[in-house]
Amino acid sequence: MPSSPDPVFAGLGQAVQIGTNLLATLMVGGGVGWSIDSYVLPTQPWGLVGGLVLGLIAGIRNAYRTAQRLS
């Protein structure tokens, strides 16, 4: 992603990137957990909860790695 000459817009772009990554990992984790609950195991709601927790962990890890790379 090309850097913006204005530091405000550059910081805003980085924040949007981190937020989007966090949201995407939560959605994927929740979707996988819901799918496991619905189609594989009758463990409702624990598959969804586990998927959301794993998605949150992955999202925080990605946000940390992105912040380290951008700083």
Protein backbone atom coordinates (compact mmCIF):
# COMPACT_ATOMS: atom_id res chain seq x y z
CA MET A 1 0.00 0.00 0.00
CA PRO A 2 1.54 3.35 -0.99
CA SER A 3 2.18 5.78 1.81
CA SER A 4 0.17 8.97 1.99
CA PRO A 5 2.10 12.24 2.21
CA ASP A 6 -0.27 13.38 4.96
CA PRO A 7 0.51 11.54 8.24
CA VAL A 8 -3.13 11.79 9.39
CA PHE A 9 -4.37 9.84 6.38
CA ALA A 10 -1.50 7.37 6.63
CA GLY A 11 -2.42 6.64 10.25
CA LEU A 12 -6.10 6.38 9.36
CA GLY A 13 -5.32 3.85 6.64
CA GLN A 14 -3.30 1.75 9.06
CA ALA A 15 -6.11 1.82 11.63
CA VAL A 16 -8.66 0.77 9.03
CA GLN A 17 -6.41 -2.08 7.90
CA ILE A 18 -5.99 -3.39 11.45
CA GLY A 19 -9.71 -3.06 12.20
CA THR A 20 -10.68 -4.84 8.99
CA ASN A 21 -8.29 -7.68 9.71
CA LEU A 22 -9.70 -8.08 13.22
CA LEU A 23 -13.28 -8.10 11.96
CA ALA A 24 -12.48 -10.60 9.22
CA THR A 25 -10.81 -13.06 11.58
CA LEU A 26 -13.76 -12.85 13.98
CA MET A 27 -16.20 -13.52 11.15
CA VAL A 28 -14.21 -16.47 9.84
CA GLY A 29 -13.78 -17.96 13.32
CA GLY A 30 -17.46 -17.52 14.10
CA GLY A 31 -18.45 -19.01 10.76
CA VAL A 32 -16.26 -22.06 11.27
CA GLY A 33 -17.59 -22.52 14.80
CA TRP A 34 -21.19 -22.16 13.65
CA SER A 35 -20.59 -24.64 10.82
CA ILE A 36 -19.14 -27.16 13.25
CA ASP A 37 -22.16 -26.73 15.53
CA SER A 38 -24.65 -26.98 12.68
CA TYR A 39 -23.23 -29.74 10.51
CA VAL A 40 -20.57 -31.75 12.34
CA LEU A 41 -21.13 -31.93 16.10
CA PRO A 42 -24.25 -31.28 18.19
CA THR A 43 -22.39 -29.06 20.66
CA GLN A 44 -24.32 -25.81 20.36
CA PRO A 45 -23.20 -23.12 21.29
CA TRP A 46 -19.69 -24.27 22.20
CA GLY A 47 -18.40 -24.56 18.64
CA LEU A 48 -19.46 -20.98 17.94
CA VAL A 49 -17.92 -19.74 21.19
CA GLY A 50 -14.69 -21.62 20.50
CA GLY A 51 -14.57 -20.31 16.94
CA LEU A 52 -15.07 -16.74 18.10
CA VAL A 53 -12.36 -17.10 20.75
CA LEU A 54 -9.93 -18.54 18.21
CA GLY A 55 -10.88 -15.79 15.75
CA LEU A 56 -10.26 -13.15 18.41
CA ILE A 57 -6.86 -14.62 19.24
CA ALA A 58 -5.92 -14.75 15.56
CA GLY A 59 -7.17 -11.20 15.02
CA ILE A 60 -5.20 -9.80 17.93
CA ARG A 61 -2.11 -11.66 16.73
CA ASN A 62 -2.53 -10.24 13.22
CA ALA A 63 -3.13 -6.73 14.57
CA TYR A 64 0.02 -6.96 16.69
CA ARG A 65 2.10 -8.22 13.77
CA THR A 66 0.73 -5.51 11.47
CA ALA A 67 1.42 -2.80 14.04
CA GLN A 68 4.98 -4.07 14.49
CA ARG A 69 5.53 -4.08 10.73
CA LEU A 70 4.13 -0.57 10.28
CA SER A 71 6.06 1.04 13.12
